[in-house]
């Protein structure tokens, strides 16, 4: 039997198409005995997604919720053939 310890691609209501909050996702992860949960909401270029400020506020997110380690992530969008992304790089350096 395979035992999963992490879910590295999850979204919250901030992505516009998910139904749970960060806290609810952490509660579900704890219930499933996961040790690590990555919050990877869609970056701003995705229609209906959250504003860049959402990612700026991730630094306030505790590292552990319900005994589950929370990784601060993002599902970035590559905007052009030069590799430009839709989140300022300083957000990546500060938050993640």
PDB file of N, CA and C in Angstrom:
ATOM      1  N   UNK A   1       0.831  -1.179   0.000  1.00  0.00           N
ATOM      2  CA  UNK A   1       0.000   0.000   0.000  1.00  0.00           C
ATOM      3  C   UNK A   1       0.879   1.246   0.000  1.00  0.00           C
ATOM      4  N   UNK A   2       0.542   2.194  -0.835  1.00  0.00           N
ATOM      5  CA  UNK A   2       1.269   3.454  -0.915  1.00  0.00           C
ATOM      6  C   UNK A   2       0.686   4.429   0.094  1.00  0.00           C
ATOM      7  N   UNK A   3       1.568   5.096   0.819  1.00  0.00           N
ATOM      8  CA  UNK A   3       1.148   6.094   1.789  1.00  0.00           C
ATOM      9  C   UNK A   3       1.587   7.469   1.311  1.00  0.00           C
ATOM     10  N   UNK A   4       0.625   8.330   1.053  1.00  0.00           N
ATOM     11  CA  UNK A   4       0.942   9.692   0.626  1.00  0.00           C
ATOM     12  C   UNK A   4       1.201  10.562   1.841  1.00  0.00           C
ATOM     13  N   UNK A   5       2.200  11.434   1.743  1.00  0.00           N
ATOM     14  CA  UNK A   5       2.529  12.326   2.849  1.00  0.00           C
ATOM     15  C   UNK A   5       2.312  13.785   2.510  1.00  0.00           C
ATOM     16  N   UNK A   6       2.085  14.104   1.231  1.00  0.00           N
ATOM     17  CA  UNK A   6       1.967  15.500   0.828  1.00  0.00           C
ATOM     18  C   UNK A   6       1.006  15.649  -0.341  1.00  0.00           C
ATOM     19  N   UNK A   7       0.351  16.785  -0.382  1.00  0.00           N
ATOM     20  CA  UNK A   7      -0.415  17.202  -1.556  1.00  0.00           C
ATOM     21  C   UNK A   7       0.215  18.521  -1.979  1.00  0.00           C
ATOM     22  N   UNK A   8       0.857  18.527  -3.129  1.00  0.00           N
ATOM     23  CA  UNK A   8       1.656  19.668  -3.548  1.00  0.00           C
ATOM     24  C   UNK A   8       0.983  20.554  -4.586  1.00  0.00           C
ATOM     25  N   UNK A   9      -0.315  20.335  -4.816  1.00  0.00           N
ATOM     26  CA  UNK A   9      -1.051  21.176  -5.767  1.00  0.00           C
ATOM     27  C   UNK A   9      -2.486  21.306  -5.293  1.00  0.00           C
ATOM     28  N   UNK A  10      -2.753  22.365  -4.512  1.00  0.00           N
ATOM     29  CA  UNK A  10      -4.114  22.613  -4.039  1.00  0.00           C
ATOM     30  C   UNK A  10      -4.493  24.062  -4.285  1.00  0.00           C
ATOM     31  N   UNK A  11      -5.786  24.293  -4.383  1.00  0.00           N
ATOM     32  CA  UNK A  11      -6.311  25.639  -4.566  1.00  0.00           C
ATOM     33  C   UNK A  11      -7.292  25.958  -3.454  1.00  0.00           C
ATOM     34  N   UNK A  12      -7.504  27.248  -3.239  1.00  0.00           N
ATOM     35  CA  UNK A  12      -8.499  27.713  -2.287  1.00  0.00           C
ATOM     36  C   UNK A  12      -9.544  28.534  -3.039  1.00  0.00           C
ATOM     37  N   UNK A  13     -10.499  29.043  -2.309  1.00  0.00           N
ATOM     38  CA  UNK A  13     -11.523  29.892  -2.923  1.00  0.00           C
ATOM     39  C   UNK A  13     -10.902  31.098  -3.634  1.00  0.00           C
ATOM     40  N   UNK A  14      -9.694  31.462  -3.267  1.00  0.00           N
ATOM     41  CA  UNK A  14      -9.022  32.595  -3.910  1.00  0.00           C
ATOM     42  C   UNK A  14      -8.756  32.347  -5.390  1.00  0.00           C
ATOM     43  N   UNK A  15      -8.656  31.087  -5.799  1.00  0.00           N
ATOM     44  CA  UNK A  15      -8.421  30.776  -7.209  1.00  0.00           C
ATOM     45  C   UNK A  15      -9.673  30.933  -8.061  1.00  0.00           C
ATOM     46  N   UNK A  16     -10.815  31.066  -7.429  1.00  0.00           N
ATOM     47  CA  UNK A  16     -12.041  31.303  -8.177  1.00  0.00           C
ATOM     48  C   UNK A  16     -12.814  30.069  -8.579  1.00  0.00           C
ATOM     49  N   UNK A  17     -12.226  28.886  -8.453  1.00  0.00           N
ATOM     50  CA  UNK A  17     -12.950  27.679  -8.849  1.00  0.00           C
ATOM     51  C   UNK A  17     -12.869  26.563  -7.803  1.00  0.00           C
ATOM     52  N   UNK A  18     -12.286  26.855  -6.657  1.00  0.00           N
ATOM     53  CA  UNK A  18     -12.224  25.879  -5.574  1.00  0.00           C
ATOM     54  C   UNK A  18     -13.269  26.246  -4.530  1.00  0.00           C
ATOM     55  N   UNK A  19     -13.509  25.364  -3.593  1.00  0.00           N
ATOM     56  CA  UNK A  19     -14.610  25.551  -2.650  1.00  0.00           C
ATOM     57  C   UNK A  19     -14.179  25.655  -1.197  1.00  0.00           C
ATOM     58  N   UNK A  20     -12.884  25.588  -0.912  1.00  0.00           N
ATOM     59  CA  UNK A  20     -12.424  25.549   0.474  1.00  0.00           C
ATOM     60  C   UNK A  20     -11.418  26.656   0.763  1.00  0.00           C
ATOM     61  N   UNK A  21     -11.316  26.981   2.048  1.00  0.00           N
ATOM     62  CA  UNK A  21     -10.326  27.947   2.518  1.00  0.00           C
ATOM     63  C   UNK A  21      -9.019  27.217   2.818  1.00  0.00           C
ATOM     64  N   UNK A  22      -7.976  27.966   3.118  1.00  0.00           N
ATOM     65  CA  UNK A  22      -6.712  27.368   3.517  1.00  0.00           C
ATOM     66  C   UNK A  22      -6.915  26.517   4.768  1.00  0.00           C
ATOM     67  N   UNK A  23      -7.653  27.045   5.731  1.00  0.00           N
ATOM     68  CA  UNK A  23      -7.908  26.316   6.979  1.00  0.00           C
ATOM     69  C   UNK A  23      -8.659  25.018   6.712  1.00  0.00           C
ATOM     70  N   UNK A  24      -9.672  25.074   5.872  1.00  0.00           N
ATOM     71  CA  UNK A  24     -10.433  23.860   5.549  1.00  0.00           C
ATOM     72  C   UNK A  24      -9.568  22.833   4.830  1.00  0.00           C
ATOM     73  N   UNK A  25      -8.710  23.296   3.922  1.00  0.00           N
ATOM     74  CA  UNK A  25      -7.792  22.368   3.239  1.00  0.00           C
ATOM     75  C   UNK A  25      -6.842  21.713   4.234  1.00  0.00           C
ATOM     76  N   UNK A  26      -6.331  22.498   5.186  1.00  0.00           N
ATOM     77  CA  UNK A  26      -5.425  21.948   6.197  1.00  0.00           C
ATOM     78  C   UNK A  26      -6.145  20.938   7.092  1.00  0.00           C
ATOM     79  N   UNK A  27      -7.379  21.219   7.441  1.00  0.00           N
ATOM     80  CA  UNK A  27      -8.161  20.273   8.242  1.00  0.00           C
ATOM     81  C   UNK A  27      -8.349  18.955   7.482  1.00  0.00           C
ATOM     82  N   UNK A  28      -8.670  19.042   6.204  1.00  0.00           N
ATOM     83  CA  UNK A  28      -8.846  17.841   5.384  1.00  0.00           C
ATOM     84  C   UNK A  28      -7.530  17.080   5.249  1.00  0.00           C
ATOM     85  N   UNK A  29      -6.428  17.798   5.083  1.00  0.00           N
ATOM     86  CA  UNK A  29      -5.118  17.153   4.981  1.00  0.00           C
ATOM     87  C   UNK A  29      -4.781  16.420   6.274  1.00  0.00           C
ATOM     88  N   UNK A  30      -5.040  17.052   7.405  1.00  0.00           N
ATOM     89  CA  UNK A  30      -4.787  16.420   8.695  1.00  0.00           C
ATOM     90  C   UNK A  30      -5.638  15.162   8.850  1.00  0.00           C
ATOM     91  N   UNK A  31      -6.896  15.230   8.452  1.00  0.00           N
ATOM     92  CA  UNK A  31      -7.799  14.082   8.529  1.00  0.00           C
ATOM     93  C   UNK A  31      -7.263  12.912   7.701  1.00  0.00           C
ATOM     94  N   UNK A  32      -6.597  13.228   6.587  1.00  0.00           N
ATOM     95  CA  UNK A  32      -6.037  12.194   5.706  1.00  0.00           C
ATOM     96  C   UNK A  32      -4.609  11.821   6.083  1.00  0.00           C
ATOM     97  N   UNK A  33      -4.143  12.350   7.234  1.00  0.00           N
ATOM     98  CA  UNK A  33      -2.801  12.069   7.747  1.00  0.00           C
ATOM     99  C   UNK A  33      -1.681  12.570   6.849  1.00  0.00           C
ATOM    100  N   UNK A  34      -1.952  13.621   6.090  1.00  0.00           N
ATOM    101  CA  UNK A  34      -0.890  14.237   5.303  1.00  0.00           C
ATOM    102  C   UNK A  34      -0.014  15.076   6.213  1.00  0.00           C
ATOM    103  N   UNK A  35       1.263  15.166   5.881  1.00  0.00           N
ATOM    104  CA  UNK A  35       2.201  15.961   6.663  1.00  0.00           C
ATOM    105  C   UNK A  35       2.455  17.332   6.052  1.00  0.00           C
ATOM    106  N   UNK A  36       2.280  17.425   4.728  1.00  0.00           N
ATOM    107  CA  UNK A  36       2.612  18.654   4.002  1.00  0.00           C
ATOM    108  C   UNK A  36       1.497  18.981   3.016  1.00  0.00           C
ATOM    109  N   UNK A  37       1.168  20.284   2.940  1.00  0.00           N
ATOM    110  CA  UNK A  37       0.155  20.763   2.013  1.00  0.00           C
ATOM    111  C   UNK A  37       0.677  22.026   1.346  1.00  0.00           C
ATOM    112  N   UNK A  38       0.696  22.042   0.026  1.00  0.00           N
ATOM    113  CA  UNK A  38       1.135  23.230  -0.707  1.00  0.00           C
ATOM    114  C   UNK A  38      -0.077  23.990  -1.214  1.00  0.00           C
ATOM    115  N   UNK A  39      -0.129  25.274  -0.866  1.00  0.00           N
ATOM    116  CA  UNK A  39      -1.191  26.151  -1.346  1.00  0.00           C
ATOM    117  C   UNK A  39      -0.697  26.770  -2.643  1.00  0.00           C
ATOM    118  N   UNK A  40      -1.307  26.399  -3.757  1.00  0.00           N
ATOM    119  CA  UNK A  40      -0.820  26.829  -5.068  1.00  0.00           C
ATOM    120  C   UNK A  40      -1.941  27.487  -5.868  1.00  0.00           C
ATOM    121  N   UNK A  41      -2.509  28.545  -5.310  1.00  0.00           N
ATOM    122  CA  UNK A  41      -3.568  29.256  -6.023  1.00  0.00           C
ATOM    123  C   UNK A  41      -3.051  29.808  -7.343  1.00  0.00           C
ATOM    124  N   UNK A  42      -3.986  30.031  -8.264  1.00  0.00           N
ATOM    125  CA  UNK A  42      -3.633  30.586  -9.569  1.00  0.00           C
ATOM    126  C   UNK A  42      -3.157  32.024  -9.434  1.00  0.00           C
ATOM    127  N   UNK A  43      -2.165  32.364 -10.222  1.00  0.00           N
ATOM    128  CA  UNK A  43      -1.650  33.732 -10.267  1.00  0.00           C
ATOM    129  C   UNK A  43      -2.643  34.626 -11.022  1.00  0.00           C
ATOM    130  N   UNK A  44      -2.465  35.946 -10.955  1.00  0.00           N
ATOM    131  CA  UNK A  44      -3.465  36.899 -11.430  1.00  0.00           C
ATOM    132  C   UNK A  44      -3.888  36.814 -12.898  1.00  0.00           C
ATOM    133  N   UNK A  45      -3.072  36.300 -13.800  1.00  0.00           N
ATOM    134  CA  UNK A  45      -3.464  36.288 -15.213  1.00  0.00           C
ATOM    135  C   UNK A  45      -4.583  35.291 -15.505  1.00  0.00           C
ATOM    136  N   UNK A  46      -4.816  34.346 -14.613  1.00  0.00           N
ATOM    137  CA  UNK A  46      -5.897  33.380 -14.808  1.00  0.00           C
ATOM    138  C   UNK A  46      -7.228  34.088 -14.543  1.00  0.00           C
ATOM    139  N   UNK A  47      -8.139  34.085 -15.497  1.00  0.00           N
ATOM    140  CA  UNK A  47      -9.428  34.757 -15.280  1.00  0.00           C
ATOM    141  C   UNK A  47     -10.134  34.240 -14.030  1.00  0.00           C
ATOM    142  N   UNK A  48     -10.633  35.170 -13.219  1.00  0.00           N
ATOM    143  CA  UNK A  48     -11.356  34.817 -12.010  1.00  0.00           C
ATOM    144  C   UNK A  48     -10.479  34.512 -10.811  1.00  0.00           C
ATOM    145  N   UNK A  49      -9.180  34.618 -10.978  1.00  0.00           N
ATOM    146  CA  UNK A  49      -8.267  34.296  -9.887  1.00  0.00           C
ATOM    147  C   UNK A  49      -8.069  35.498  -8.976  1.00  0.00           C
ATOM    148  N   UNK A  50      -7.191  35.308  -8.013  1.00  0.00           N
ATOM    149  CA  UNK A  50      -6.963  36.340  -6.995  1.00  0.00           C
ATOM    150  C   UNK A  50      -5.973  37.411  -7.477  1.00  0.00           C
ATOM    151  N   UNK A  51      -5.997  38.496  -6.749  1.00  0.00           N
ATOM    152  CA  UNK A  51      -5.111  39.618  -7.020  1.00  0.00           C
ATOM    153  C   UNK A  51      -3.706  39.300  -6.507  1.00  0.00           C
ATOM    154  N   UNK A  52      -2.748  40.034  -6.996  1.00  0.00           N
ATOM    155  CA  UNK A  52      -1.361  39.880  -6.563  1.00  0.00           C
ATOM    156  C   UNK A  52      -1.236  40.054  -5.044  1.00  0.00           C
ATOM    157  N   UNK A  53      -2.111  40.853  -4.438  1.00  0.00           N
ATOM    158  CA  UNK A  53      -2.059  41.070  -2.992  1.00  0.00           C
ATOM    159  C   UNK A  53      -2.260  39.783  -2.195  1.00  0.00           C
ATOM    160  N   UNK A  54      -3.009  38.848  -2.741  1.00  0.00           N
ATOM    161  CA  UNK A  54      -3.191  37.551  -2.070  1.00  0.00           C
ATOM    162  C   UNK A  54      -1.835  36.911  -1.790  1.00  0.00           C
ATOM    163  N   UNK A  55      -0.954  36.961  -2.751  1.00  0.00           N
ATOM    164  CA  UNK A  55       0.353  36.325  -2.595  1.00  0.00           C
ATOM    165  C   UNK A  55       1.258  37.130  -1.668  1.00  0.00           C
ATOM    166  N   UNK A  56       1.063  38.439  -1.630  1.00  0.00           N
ATOM    167  CA  UNK A  56       1.799  39.264  -0.684  1.00  0.00           C
ATOM    168  C   UNK A  56       1.417  38.961   0.750  1.00  0.00           C
ATOM    169  N   UNK A  57       0.173  38.564   0.969  1.00  0.00           N
ATOM    170  CA  UNK A  57      -0.300  38.261   2.319  1.00  0.00           C
ATOM    171  C   UNK A  57       0.069  36.854   2.786  1.00  0.00           C
ATOM    172  N   UNK A  58       0.585  36.029   1.933  1.00  0.00           N
ATOM    173  CA  UNK A  58       0.917  34.655   2.341  1.00  0.00           C
ATOM    174  C   UNK A  58       1.969  34.607   3.444  1.00  0.00           C
ATOM    175  N   UNK A  59       2.770  35.651   3.563  1.00  0.00           N
ATOM    176  CA  UNK A  59       3.791  35.648   4.621  1.00  0.00           C
ATOM    177  C   UNK A  59       3.156  35.614   6.008  1.00  0.00           C
ATOM    178  N   UNK A  60       1.892  36.007   6.122  1.00  0.00           N
ATOM    179  CA  UNK A  60       1.181  35.967   7.403  1.00  0.00           C
ATOM    180  C   UNK A  60       0.634  34.579   7.718  1.00  0.00           C
ATOM    181  N   UNK A  61       0.673  33.706   6.765  1.00  0.00           N
ATOM    182  CA  UNK A  61       0.157  32.344   6.938  1.00  0.00           C
ATOM    183  C   UNK A  61       1.090  31.536   7.834  1.00  0.00           C
ATOM    184  N   UNK A  62       0.550  30.901   8.881  1.00  0.00           N
ATOM    185  CA  UNK A  62       1.409  30.080   9.745  1.00  0.00           C
ATOM    186  C   UNK A  62       2.049  28.931   8.956  1.00  0.00           C
ATOM    187  N   UNK A  63       3.217  28.514   9.388  1.00  0.00           N
ATOM    188  CA  UNK A  63       3.893  27.397   8.717  1.00  0.00           C
ATOM    189  C   UNK A  63       3.200  26.064   8.990  1.00  0.00           C
ATOM    190  N   UNK A  64       2.474  25.979  10.102  1.00  0.00           N
ATOM    191  CA  UNK A  64       1.721  24.766  10.428  1.00  0.00           C
ATOM    192  C   UNK A  64       0.291  25.141  10.772  1.00  0.00           C
ATOM    193  N   UNK A  65      -0.647  24.423  10.192  1.00  0.00           N
ATOM    194  CA  UNK A  65      -2.053  24.539  10.544  1.00  0.00           C
ATOM    195  C   UNK A  65      -2.555  23.116  10.768  1.00  0.00           C
ATOM    196  N   UNK A  66      -3.133  22.873  11.945  1.00  0.00           N
ATOM    197  CA  UNK A  66      -3.635  21.527  12.278  1.00  0.00           C
ATOM    198  C   UNK A  66      -2.568  20.450  12.106  1.00  0.00           C
ATOM    199  N   UNK A  67      -1.359  20.754  12.525  1.00  0.00           N
ATOM    200  CA  UNK A  67      -0.235  19.812  12.461  1.00  0.00           C
ATOM    201  C   UNK A  67       0.199  19.472  11.038  1.00  0.00           C
ATOM    202  N   UNK A  68      -0.200  20.263  10.074  1.00  0.00           N
ATOM    203  CA  UNK A  68       0.191  20.063   8.681  1.00  0.00           C
ATOM    204  C   UNK A  68       1.094  21.224   8.276  1.00  0.00           C
ATOM    205  N   UNK A  69       2.272  20.907   7.726  1.00  0.00           N
ATOM    206  CA  UNK A  69       3.169  21.950   7.230  1.00  0.00           C
ATOM    207  C   UNK A  69       2.562  22.566   5.974  1.00  0.00           C
ATOM    208  N   UNK A  70       2.464  23.889   5.967  1.00  0.00           N
ATOM    209  CA  UNK A  70       1.898  24.605   4.837  1.00  0.00           C
ATOM    210  C   UNK A  70       3.021  25.211   4.005  1.00  0.00           C
ATOM    211  N   UNK A  71       3.086  24.816   2.746  1.00  0.00           N
ATOM    212  CA  UNK A  71       4.035  25.404   1.803  1.00  0.00           C
ATOM    213  C   UNK A  71       3.307  26.495   1.034  1.00  0.00           C
ATOM    214  N   UNK A  72       3.932  27.630   0.918  1.00  0.00           N
ATOM    215  CA  UNK A  72       3.345  28.765   0.202  1.00  0.00           C
ATOM    216  C   UNK A  72       3.785  28.699  -1.243  1.00  0.00           C
ATOM    217  N   UNK A  73       2.823  28.520  -2.116  1.00  0.00           N
ATOM    218  CA  UNK A  73       3.167  28.367  -3.523  1.00  0.00           C
ATOM    219  C   UNK A  73       2.255  29.169  -4.419  1.00  0.00           C
ATOM    220  N   UNK A  74       2.416  28.966  -5.703  1.00  0.00           N
ATOM    221  CA  UNK A  74       1.610  29.658  -6.702  1.00  0.00           C
ATOM    222  C   UNK A  74       1.646  28.841  -7.991  1.00  0.00           C
ATOM    223  N   UNK A  75       0.542  28.841  -8.701  1.00  0.00           N
ATOM    224  CA  UNK A  75       0.509  28.269 -10.041  1.00  0.00           C
ATOM    225  C   UNK A  75       0.646  29.436 -11.010  1.00  0.00           C
ATOM    226  N   UNK A  76       1.891  29.695 -11.387  1.00  0.00           N
ATOM    227  CA  UNK A  76       2.218  30.832 -12.249  1.00  0.00           C
ATOM    228  C   UNK A  76       1.761  30.608 -13.682  1.00  0.00           C
ATOM    229  N   UNK A  77       1.613  31.703 -14.387  1.00  0.00           N
ATOM    230  CA  UNK A  77       1.321  31.661 -15.814  1.00  0.00           C
ATOM    231  C   UNK A  77       2.490  32.276 -16.562  1.00  0.00           C
ATOM    232  N   UNK A  78       2.960  31.590 -17.571  1.00  0.00           N
ATOM    233  CA  UNK A  78       3.999  32.129 -18.445  1.00  0.00           C
ATOM    234  C   UNK A  78       3.268  32.949 -19.506  1.00  0.00           C
ATOM    235  N   UNK A  79       3.618  34.224 -19.578  1.00  0.00           N
ATOM    236  CA  UNK A  79       2.848  35.168 -20.385  1.00  0.00           C
ATOM    237  C   UNK A  79       3.298  35.299 -21.831  1.00  0.00           C
ATOM    238  N   UNK A  80       4.551  34.944 -22.113  1.00  0.00           N
ATOM    239  CA  UNK A  80       5.056  35.144 -23.470  1.00  0.00           C
ATOM    240  C   UNK A  80       6.242  34.210 -23.720  1.00  0.00           C
ATOM    241  N   UNK A  81       6.769  34.282 -24.908  1.00  0.00           N
ATOM    242  CA  UNK A  81       7.879  33.399 -25.284  1.00  0.00           C
ATOM    243  C   UNK A  81       9.200  33.793 -24.634  1.00  0.00           C
ATOM    244  N   UNK A  82       9.240  34.952 -23.985  1.00  0.00           N
ATOM    245  CA  UNK A  82      10.442  35.364 -23.261  1.00  0.00           C
ATOM    246  C   UNK A  82      10.450  34.819 -21.835  1.00  0.00           C
ATOM    247  N   UNK A  83       9.388  34.165 -21.429  1.00  0.00           N
ATOM    248  CA  UNK A  83       9.334  33.573 -20.100  1.00  0.00           C
ATOM    249  C   UNK A  83       8.849  34.494 -19.001  1.00  0.00           C
ATOM    250  N   UNK A  84       8.281  35.629 -19.359  1.00  0.00           N
ATOM    251  CA  UNK A  84       7.734  36.524 -18.337  1.00  0.00           C
ATOM    252  C   UNK A  84       6.555  35.854 -17.642  1.00  0.00           C
ATOM    253  N   UNK A  85       6.454  36.087 -16.339  1.00  0.00           N
ATOM    254  CA  UNK A  85       5.403  35.477 -15.534  1.00  0.00           C
ATOM    255  C   UNK A  85       4.474  36.554 -14.980  1.00  0.00           C
ATOM    256  N   UNK A  86       3.330  36.131 -14.455  1.00  0.00           N
ATOM    257  CA  UNK A  86       2.311  37.093 -14.022  1.00  0.00           C
ATOM    258  C   UNK A  86       2.334  37.394 -12.527  1.00  0.00           C
ATOM    259  N   UNK A  87       3.467  37.209 -11.907  1.00  0.00           N
ATOM    260  CA  UNK A  87       3.633  37.583 -10.505  1.00  0.00           C
ATOM    261  C   UNK A  87       5.031  38.180 -10.370  1.00  0.00           C
ATOM    262  N   UNK A  88       5.144  39.362  -9.773  1.00  0.00           N
ATOM    263  CA  UNK A  88       6.469  39.959  -9.621  1.00  0.00           C
ATOM    264  C   UNK A  88       7.422  39.016  -8.875  1.00  0.00           C
ATOM    265  N   UNK A  89       8.629  38.915  -9.356  1.00  0.00           N
ATOM    266  CA  UNK A  89       9.579  37.966  -8.774  1.00  0.00           C
ATOM    267  C   UNK A  89       9.881  38.248  -7.307  1.00  0.00           C
ATOM    268  N   UNK A  90       9.762  39.492  -6.854  1.00  0.00           N
ATOM    269  CA  UNK A  90      10.036  39.761  -5.441  1.00  0.00           C
ATOM    270  C   UNK A  90       9.020  39.080  -4.542  1.00  0.00           C
ATOM    271  N   UNK A  91       7.809  38.804  -5.026  1.00  0.00           N
ATOM    272  CA  UNK A  91       6.859  38.040  -4.231  1.00  0.00           C
ATOM    273  C   UNK A  91       7.363  36.621  -4.025  1.00  0.00           C
ATOM    274  N   UNK A  92       7.978  36.074  -5.022  1.00  0.00           N
ATOM    275  CA  UNK A  92       8.497  34.710  -4.920  1.00  0.00           C
ATOM    276  C   UNK A  92       9.652  34.638  -3.931  1.00  0.00           C
ATOM    277  N   UNK A  93      10.515  35.623  -3.952  1.00  0.00           N
ATOM    278  CA  UNK A  93      11.667  35.626  -3.055  1.00  0.00           C
ATOM    279  C   UNK A  93      11.269  35.844  -1.606  1.00  0.00           C
ATOM    280  N   UNK A  94      10.283  36.686  -1.373  1.00  0.00           N
ATOM    281  CA  UNK A  94       9.888  37.036  -0.007  1.00  0.00           C
ATOM    282  C   UNK A  94       9.004  35.973   0.622  1.00  0.00           C
ATOM    283  N   UNK A  95       8.080  35.435  -0.131  1.00  0.00           N
ATOM    284  CA  UNK A  95       7.047  34.570   0.433  1.00  0.00           C
ATOM    285  C   UNK A  95       7.354  33.093   0.435  1.00  0.00           C
ATOM    286  N   UNK A  96       8.095  32.641  -0.510  1.00  0.00           N
ATOM    287  CA  UNK A  96       8.184  31.212  -0.687  1.00  0.00           C
ATOM    288  C   UNK A  96       9.566  30.733  -0.349  1.00  0.00           C
TER     289      UNK A  96
END
